[in-house]
């Protein structure tokens, strides 16, 4: 049985280089390369050690049923939170997105509503204003965006998004390194 490609795919999903996997398993980068190209076969102990580092059980590894990743998320998958005091509603468009690299949300701001204030982080934030007119306070600077306009910023300063529209404003917001 050829196992090299499966090991390589698991390593890539884990975001590890061959060298990093080698360091974590006390193996050389060259040996990892040989395993991934099916030029060498590991001992059982080495194989189990590699799987442990890659976060995979032997059963999962040898499971012939290929798991299909979820690609389409329906309205039933979404979760919501409403803060009546601050006047916003947040809808997480992808469940468990806070565990992924990007976290997409649908943000609705009531008239005079404001999203919570965020401390500086390593995140990057993108938003597309669907309806209304919003204000972004980013450190000492203030920016405005209206329906049809996009926003992109590094979250390296304290920041907050507020509604500047007489009525509801809505936007799709995607943040990396989840902080929402």
Protein backbone atom coordinates (compact mmCIF):
# COMPACT_ATOMS: atom_id res chain seq x y z
CA UNK A 1 0.00 0.00 0.00
CA UNK A 2 1.30 3.46 -0.93
CA UNK A 3 1.11 5.84 2.04
CA UNK A 4 3.42 8.66 0.98
CA UNK A 5 0.80 10.89 -0.63
CA UNK A 6 -1.49 10.59 2.41
CA UNK A 7 1.35 11.56 4.75
CA UNK A 8 2.20 14.54 2.52
CA UNK A 9 -1.44 15.71 2.40
CA UNK A 10 -1.76 15.48 6.19
CA UNK A 11 1.50 17.39 6.62
CA UNK A 12 0.35 20.15 4.28
CA UNK A 13 -3.05 20.39 5.99
CA UNK A 14 -1.20 20.80 9.29
CA UNK A 15 0.88 23.58 7.72
CA UNK A 16 4.21 21.86 8.35
CA UNK A 17 7.28 21.71 6.15
CA UNK A 18 9.14 18.42 5.74
CA UNK A 19 11.83 19.85 7.97
CA UNK A 20 9.32 20.78 10.73
CA UNK A 21 7.73 17.31 10.60
CA UNK A 22 11.20 15.80 10.78
CA UNK A 23 12.10 17.89 13.83
CA UNK A 24 8.92 16.90 15.64
CA UNK A 25 9.45 13.20 14.92
CA UNK A 26 13.26 13.06 15.27
CA UNK A 27 13.56 12.17 11.58
CA UNK A 28 15.52 13.89 8.84
CA UNK A 29 13.93 16.06 6.17
CA UNK A 30 15.39 13.66 3.58
CA UNK A 31 13.72 10.66 5.21
CA UNK A 32 10.34 12.47 5.30
CA UNK A 33 10.82 13.24 1.60
CA UNK A 34 11.54 9.56 0.89
CA UNK A 35 8.41 8.49 2.81
CA UNK A 36 6.23 10.97 0.91
CA UNK A 37 7.56 9.66 -2.42
CA UNK A 38 7.07 6.03 -1.28
CA UNK A 39 10.81 5.38 -1.64
CA UNK A 40 11.01 4.13 1.94
CA UNK A 41 8.66 2.50 4.46
CA UNK A 42 8.62 3.51 8.13
CA UNK A 43 8.66 1.12 11.06
CA UNK A 44 5.34 0.81 12.92
CA UNK A 45 6.66 2.96 15.79
CA UNK A 46 7.88 5.66 13.40
CA UNK A 47 4.62 5.56 11.46
CA UNK A 48 2.51 5.94 14.64
CA UNK A 49 4.77 8.78 15.79
CA UNK A 50 4.28 10.60 12.46
CA UNK A 51 0.51 10.14 12.67
CA UNK A 52 0.45 11.46 16.23
CA UNK A 53 2.30 14.63 15.20
CA UNK A 54 -0.08 15.03 12.25
CA UNK A 55 -3.14 14.64 14.51
CA UNK A 56 -4.44 11.52 12.79
CA UNK A 57 -5.33 8.10 14.17
CA UNK A 58 -4.35 4.94 12.27
CA UNK A 59 -8.07 4.24 11.70
CA UNK A 60 -8.57 7.67 10.14
CA UNK A 61 -5.44 7.23 8.04
CA UNK A 62 -6.50 3.88 6.60
CA UNK A 63 -10.18 4.72 6.28
CA UNK A 64 -10.86 4.14 2.59
CA UNK A 65 -13.93 6.33 2.64
CA UNK A 66 -12.71 9.68 1.41
CA UNK A 67 -14.15 12.51 3.42
CA UNK A 68 -15.58 15.30 1.38
CA UNK A 69 -15.01 18.77 2.74
CA UNK A 70 -18.05 20.92 3.34
CA UNK A 71 -18.16 23.64 0.71
CA UNK A 72 -21.69 25.04 0.79
CA UNK A 73 -23.21 26.36 4.01
CA UNK A 74 -26.95 26.94 4.24
CA UNK A 75 -28.93 29.41 6.33
CA UNK A 76 -29.60 26.56 8.78
CA UNK A 77 -25.83 26.33 9.40
CA UNK A 78 -25.62 29.97 10.52
CA UNK A 79 -25.63 31.08 14.13
CA UNK A 80 -26.71 34.51 15.35
CA UNK A 81 -26.10 36.84 18.24
CA UNK A 82 -27.91 40.10 18.91
CA UNK A 83 -26.74 42.88 21.23
CA UNK A 84 -29.76 45.15 21.76
CA UNK A 85 -27.80 47.54 23.96
CA UNK A 86 -25.15 48.30 21.32
CA UNK A 87 -27.60 47.88 18.42
CA UNK A 88 -25.98 45.17 16.33
CA UNK A 89 -26.67 41.64 15.17
CA UNK A 90 -23.93 39.29 14.04
CA UNK A 91 -24.54 36.20 11.91
CA UNK A 92 -21.71 33.68 11.60
CA UNK A 93 -21.97 32.42 8.02
CA UNK A 94 -19.74 29.37 8.51
CA UNK A 95 -19.97 27.31 11.72
CA UNK A 96 -16.72 26.92 13.65
CA UNK A 97 -15.13 29.58 11.42
CA UNK A 98 -13.40 30.97 14.50
CA UNK A 99 -11.20 27.86 14.31
CA UNK A 100 -10.28 28.57 10.68
CA UNK A 101 -8.04 31.17 9.06
CA UNK A 102 -10.95 33.39 8.02
CA UNK A 103 -14.14 34.20 9.89
CA UNK A 104 -16.92 35.55 7.66
CA UNK A 105 -19.90 37.25 9.29
CA UNK A 106 -22.97 39.24 8.25
CA UNK A 107 -23.16 42.32 10.46
CA UNK A 108 -26.36 44.34 10.82
CA UNK A 109 -26.16 47.68 12.63
CA UNK A 110 -29.31 49.41 13.83
CA UNK A 111 -29.57 53.19 13.53
CA UNK A 112 -26.81 54.62 15.80
CA UNK A 113 -25.65 51.04 16.44
CA UNK A 114 -22.01 50.19 16.95
CA UNK A 115 -20.11 46.93 16.84
CA UNK A 116 -17.96 46.17 19.88
CA UNK A 117 -14.61 47.89 20.20
CA UNK A 118 -11.62 45.66 19.43
CA UNK A 119 -8.11 45.81 20.80
CA UNK A 120 -5.12 45.68 18.43
CA UNK A 121 -4.37 42.24 17.00
CA UNK A 122 -2.53 40.52 14.16
CA UNK A 123 -5.77 40.16 12.21
CA UNK A 124 -6.62 41.58 8.85
CA UNK A 125 -10.20 42.68 8.25
CA UNK A 126 -12.14 42.95 5.00
CA UNK A 127 -15.71 44.20 4.74
CA UNK A 128 -18.17 44.96 1.96
CA UNK A 129 -20.98 47.38 2.78
CA UNK A 130 -24.26 45.99 1.43
CA UNK A 131 -26.59 48.66 2.77
CA UNK A 132 -26.25 52.00 4.53
CA UNK A 133 -23.21 54.02 5.56
CA UNK A 134 -20.67 53.04 8.21
CA UNK A 135 -17.78 54.64 10.07
CA UNK A 136 -14.58 52.84 11.01
CA UNK A 137 -12.58 54.27 13.89
CA UNK A 138 -9.07 52.84 13.48
CA UNK A 139 -6.70 54.19 16.11
CA UNK A 140 -6.74 58.00 15.74
CA UNK A 141 -8.16 57.86 12.20
CA UNK A 142 -11.77 57.80 11.03
CA UNK A 143 -12.92 56.30 7.73
CA UNK A 144 -16.33 56.15 6.07
CA UNK A 145 -17.80 53.64 3.63
CA UNK A 146 -21.21 53.42 2.00
CA UNK A 147 -23.16 50.70 0.21
CA UNK A 148 -21.10 49.22 -2.61
CA UNK A 149 -17.74 50.12 -1.08
CA UNK A 150 -15.13 47.82 0.46
CA UNK A 151 -12.97 48.16 3.53
CA UNK A 152 -9.63 46.50 4.23
CA UNK A 153 -7.36 47.13 7.19
CA UNK A 154 -4.76 45.60 9.48
CA UNK A 155 -6.12 45.43 13.00
CA UNK A 156 -2.93 46.81 14.52
CA UNK A 157 -4.82 49.61 16.30
CA UNK A 158 -7.90 49.68 18.49
CA UNK A 159 -10.89 49.78 16.16
CA UNK A 160 -14.68 49.95 16.01
CA UNK A 161 -17.35 49.98 13.31
CA UNK A 162 -20.45 52.16 13.75
CA UNK A 163 -23.59 52.92 11.73
CA UNK A 164 -23.70 56.44 10.26
CA UNK A 165 -26.97 55.85 8.38
CA UNK A 166 -30.53 56.90 9.20
CA UNK A 167 -31.75 53.32 9.25
CA UNK A 168 -30.05 49.93 9.15
CA UNK A 169 -26.58 49.31 7.72
CA UNK A 170 -25.44 45.83 6.69
CA UNK A 171 -22.04 44.49 5.76
CA UNK A 172 -20.22 41.25 5.12
CA UNK A 173 -17.08 41.20 7.23
CA UNK A 174 -14.22 38.69 7.06
CA UNK A 175 -11.45 38.66 9.67
CA UNK A 176 -8.33 36.52 9.75
CA UNK A 177 -6.93 35.15 13.00
CA UNK A 178 -10.42 35.24 14.43
CA UNK A 179 -11.09 37.91 16.97
CA UNK A 180 -14.82 38.34 16.51
